[in-house]
C-alpha atoms as a PDB file:
ATOM      1  CA  GLY A   1     161.027  46.031 127.614  1.00  0.00           C
ATOM      2  CA  TRP A   2     158.168  46.951 129.897  1.00  0.00           C
ATOM      3  CA  HIS A   3     156.685  43.445 130.087  1.00  0.00           C
ATOM      4  CA  GLY A   4     156.550  42.182 133.638  1.00  0.00           C
ATOM      5  CA  LEU A   5     156.922  45.603 135.264  1.00  0.00           C
ATOM      6  CA  PHE A   6     153.205  46.382 135.491  1.00  0.00           C
ATOM      7  CA  ARG A   7     150.129  44.291 136.311  1.00  0.00           C
ATOM      8  CA  SER A   8     148.043  46.380 133.955  1.00  0.00           C
ATOM      9  CA  VAL A   9     147.948  49.700 132.144  1.00  0.00           C
ATOM     10  CA  TYR A  10     145.034  52.138 132.224  1.00  0.00           C
ATOM     11  CA  ALA A  11     144.174  54.828 129.683  1.00  0.00           C
ATOM     12  CA  GLN A  12     141.258  57.253 129.560  1.00  0.00           C
ATOM     13  CA  ASP A  13     140.101  55.820 126.244  1.00  0.00           C
ATOM     14  CA  GLN A  14     140.379  52.118 127.122  1.00  0.00           C
ATOM     15  CA  ILE A  15     136.631  51.698 127.562  1.00  0.00           C
ATOM     16  CA  PRO A  16     133.913  52.558 125.018  1.00  0.00           C
ATOM     17  CA  GLY A  17     133.174  56.266 125.387  1.00  0.00           C
ATOM     18  CA  GLY A  18     136.169  56.701 127.677  1.00  0.00           C
ATOM     19  CA  TYR A  19     136.312  57.581 131.337  1.00  0.00           C
ATOM     20  CA  PRO A  20     134.819  61.001 132.122  1.00  0.00           C
ATOM     21  CA  GLY A  21     138.201  62.110 133.501  1.00  0.00           C
ATOM     22  CA  LYS A  22     141.497  61.012 135.000  1.00  0.00           C
ATOM     23  CA  ALA A  23     140.122  61.043 138.545  1.00  0.00           C
ATOM     24  CA  THR A  24     137.398  58.547 137.593  1.00  0.00           C
ATOM     25  CA  MET A  25     139.901  56.361 135.781  1.00  0.00           C
ATOM     26  CA  LEU A  26     142.160  56.351 138.870  1.00  0.00           C
ATOM     27  CA  GLU A  27     139.230  55.531 141.139  1.00  0.00           C
ATOM     28  CA  HIS A  28     138.327  52.581 138.888  1.00  0.00           C
ATOM     29  CA  MET A  29     141.935  51.379 138.757  1.00  0.00           C
ATOM     30  CA  LEU A  30     142.381  51.531 142.539  1.00  0.00           C
ATOM     31  CA  MET A  31     139.156  49.624 143.122  1.00  0.00           C
ATOM     32  CA  GLU A  32     139.778  47.031 140.393  1.00  0.00           C
ATOM     33  CA  GLN A  33     143.352  46.375 141.518  1.00  0.00           C
ATOM     34  CA  GLY A  34     142.518  46.415 145.232  1.00  0.00           C
ATOM     35  CA  ILE A  35     144.974  49.220 145.968  1.00  0.00           C
ATOM     36  CA  THR A  36     144.405  51.568 148.888  1.00  0.00           C
ATOM     37  CA  PRO A  37     145.496  55.201 148.488  1.00  0.00           C
ATOM     38  CA  ASP A  38     148.041  54.885 151.303  1.00  0.00           C
ATOM     39  CA  ARG A  39     149.888  52.229 149.248  1.00  0.00           C
ATOM     40  CA  ALA A  40     150.170  54.200 146.016  1.00  0.00           C
ATOM     41  CA  ALA A  41     151.367  57.466 144.538  1.00  0.00           C
ATOM     42  CA  TYR A  42     150.514  59.200 141.286  1.00  0.00           C
ATOM     43  CA  VAL A  43     153.441  60.388 139.180  1.00  0.00           C
ATOM     44  CA  GLY A  44     152.415  63.109 136.769  1.00  0.00           C
ATOM     45  CA  ASP A  45     153.460  66.147 134.810  1.00  0.00           C
ATOM     46  CA  THR A  46     150.388  68.408 134.836  1.00  0.00           C
ATOM     47  CA  LYS A  47     148.131  70.188 137.294  1.00  0.00           C
ATOM     48  CA  ALA A  48     145.293  67.922 136.084  1.00  0.00           C
ATOM     49  CA  ASP A  49     147.353  64.941 137.280  1.00  0.00           C
ATOM     50  CA  TYR A  50     147.695  66.566 140.707  1.00  0.00           C
ATOM     51  CA  VAL A  51     143.948  67.262 140.884  1.00  0.00           C
ATOM     52  CA  SER A  52     143.167  63.651 139.911  1.00  0.00           C
ATOM     53  CA  ALA A  53     145.569  62.295 142.520  1.00  0.00           C
ATOM     54  CA  SER A  54     144.103  64.551 145.210  1.00  0.00           C
ATOM     55  CA  ALA A  55     140.551  63.483 144.339  1.00  0.00           C
ATOM     56  CA  ASN A  56     141.620  59.908 145.094  1.00  0.00           C
ATOM     57  CA  ARG A  57     143.686  60.750 148.204  1.00  0.00           C
ATOM     58  CA  LEU A  58     146.911  59.669 146.478  1.00  0.00           C
ATOM     59  CA  SER A  59     150.345  61.075 147.190  1.00  0.00           C
ATOM     60  CA  PHE A  60     151.505  63.089 144.195  1.00  0.00           C
ATOM     61  CA  VAL A  61     154.945  63.206 142.616  1.00  0.00           C
ATOM     62  CA  ALA A  62     155.422  65.919 140.004  1.00  0.00           C
ATOM     63  CA  VAL A  63     158.096  65.340 137.389  1.00  0.00           C
ATOM     64  CA  SER A  64     160.004  68.300 136.012  1.00  0.00           C
ATOM     65  CA  TRP A  65     159.947  66.934 132.471  1.00  0.00           C
ATOM     66  CA  GLY A  66     156.831  66.497 130.369  1.00  0.00           C
ATOM     67  CA  TYR A  67     153.995  68.752 129.275  1.00  0.00           C
ATOM     68  CA  GLY A  68     153.001  70.648 132.401  1.00  0.00           C
ATOM     69  CA  GLY A  69     155.947  72.927 133.025  1.00  0.00           C
ATOM     70  CA  LYS A  70     157.272  73.545 136.514  1.00  0.00           C
ATOM     71  CA  ALA A  71     154.976  72.273 139.263  1.00  0.00           C
ATOM     72  CA  ASP A  72     155.729  75.236 141.511  1.00  0.00           C
ATOM     73  CA  SER A  73     153.961  77.449 138.968  1.00  0.00           C
ATOM     74  CA  TRP A  74     150.709  75.415 139.045  1.00  0.00           C
ATOM     75  CA  GLY A  75     149.359  77.174 142.132  1.00  0.00           C
ATOM     76  CA  ILE A  76     148.723  73.932 144.005  1.00  0.00           C
ATOM     77  CA  SER A  77     148.700  73.393 147.743  1.00  0.00           C
ATOM     78  CA  GLY A  78     148.974  70.396 149.981  1.00  0.00           C
ATOM     79  CA  GLN A  79     151.682  67.808 150.213  1.00  0.00           C
ATOM     80  CA  TRP A  80     153.458  66.851 147.017  1.00  0.00           C
ATOM     81  CA  HIS A  81     156.962  66.119 145.829  1.00  0.00           C
ATOM     82  CA  CYS A  82     158.852  67.185 142.719  1.00  0.00           C
ATOM     83  CA  VAL A  83     161.593  65.152 141.048  1.00  0.00           C
ATOM     84  CA  SER A  84     163.889  65.973 138.165  1.00  0.00           C
ATOM     85  CA  ASP A  85     165.295  62.501 137.496  1.00  0.00           C
ATOM     86  CA  PRO A  86     163.447  59.174 137.130  1.00  0.00           C
ATOM     87  CA  MET A  87     165.716  57.531 139.717  1.00  0.00           C
ATOM     88  CA  GLU A  88     164.406  60.019 142.289  1.00  0.00           C
ATOM     89  CA  ILE A  89     160.978  58.391 141.942  1.00  0.00           C
ATOM     90  CA  LEU A  90     162.422  55.085 143.164  1.00  0.00           C
ATOM     91  CA  GLU A  91     164.242  56.782 146.025  1.00  0.00           C
ATOM     92  CA  LEU A  92     161.126  58.704 147.029  1.00  0.00           C
ATOM     93  CA  GLY A  93     159.078  55.518 146.891  1.00  0.00           C
ATOM     94  CA  ARG A  94     161.472  53.831 149.287  1.00  0.00           C
ATOM     95  CA  ASP A  95     161.365  56.835 151.615  1.00  0.00           C
ATOM     96  CA  LEU A  96     157.555  57.014 151.585  1.00  0.00           C
ATOM     97  CA  SER A  97     157.181  53.280 152.199  1.00  0.00           C
ATOM     98  CA  GLY A  98     159.808  53.102 154.922  1.00  0.00           C
ATOM     99  CA  HIS A  99     161.955  50.694 152.867  1.00  0.00           C
ATOM    100  CA  ASN A 100     165.347  52.367 152.588  1.00  0.00           C
ATOM    101  CA  SER A 101     167.329  49.337 151.436  1.00  0.00           C
END
């Protein structure tokens, strides 16, 4: 299963009243986990995911499956990547981190 793959999981409704938005939840997660934006990327399937990543200076990886449709139709600018297969996320992560082994 998923056990052991993640230190923790965050959800907008995990605190009473919920986070006011994804960007705030990401900000909290980065701070709580001691992660700097240059060491992380946000993988998402909607324009709201891209906006939340950008608000936190995170690299963004759009997936072609999910709820948001095709990322190239979102009208977003800036640097982002799109993948169509989950294995591409791992490959992209290696490329972005400089670890190609």
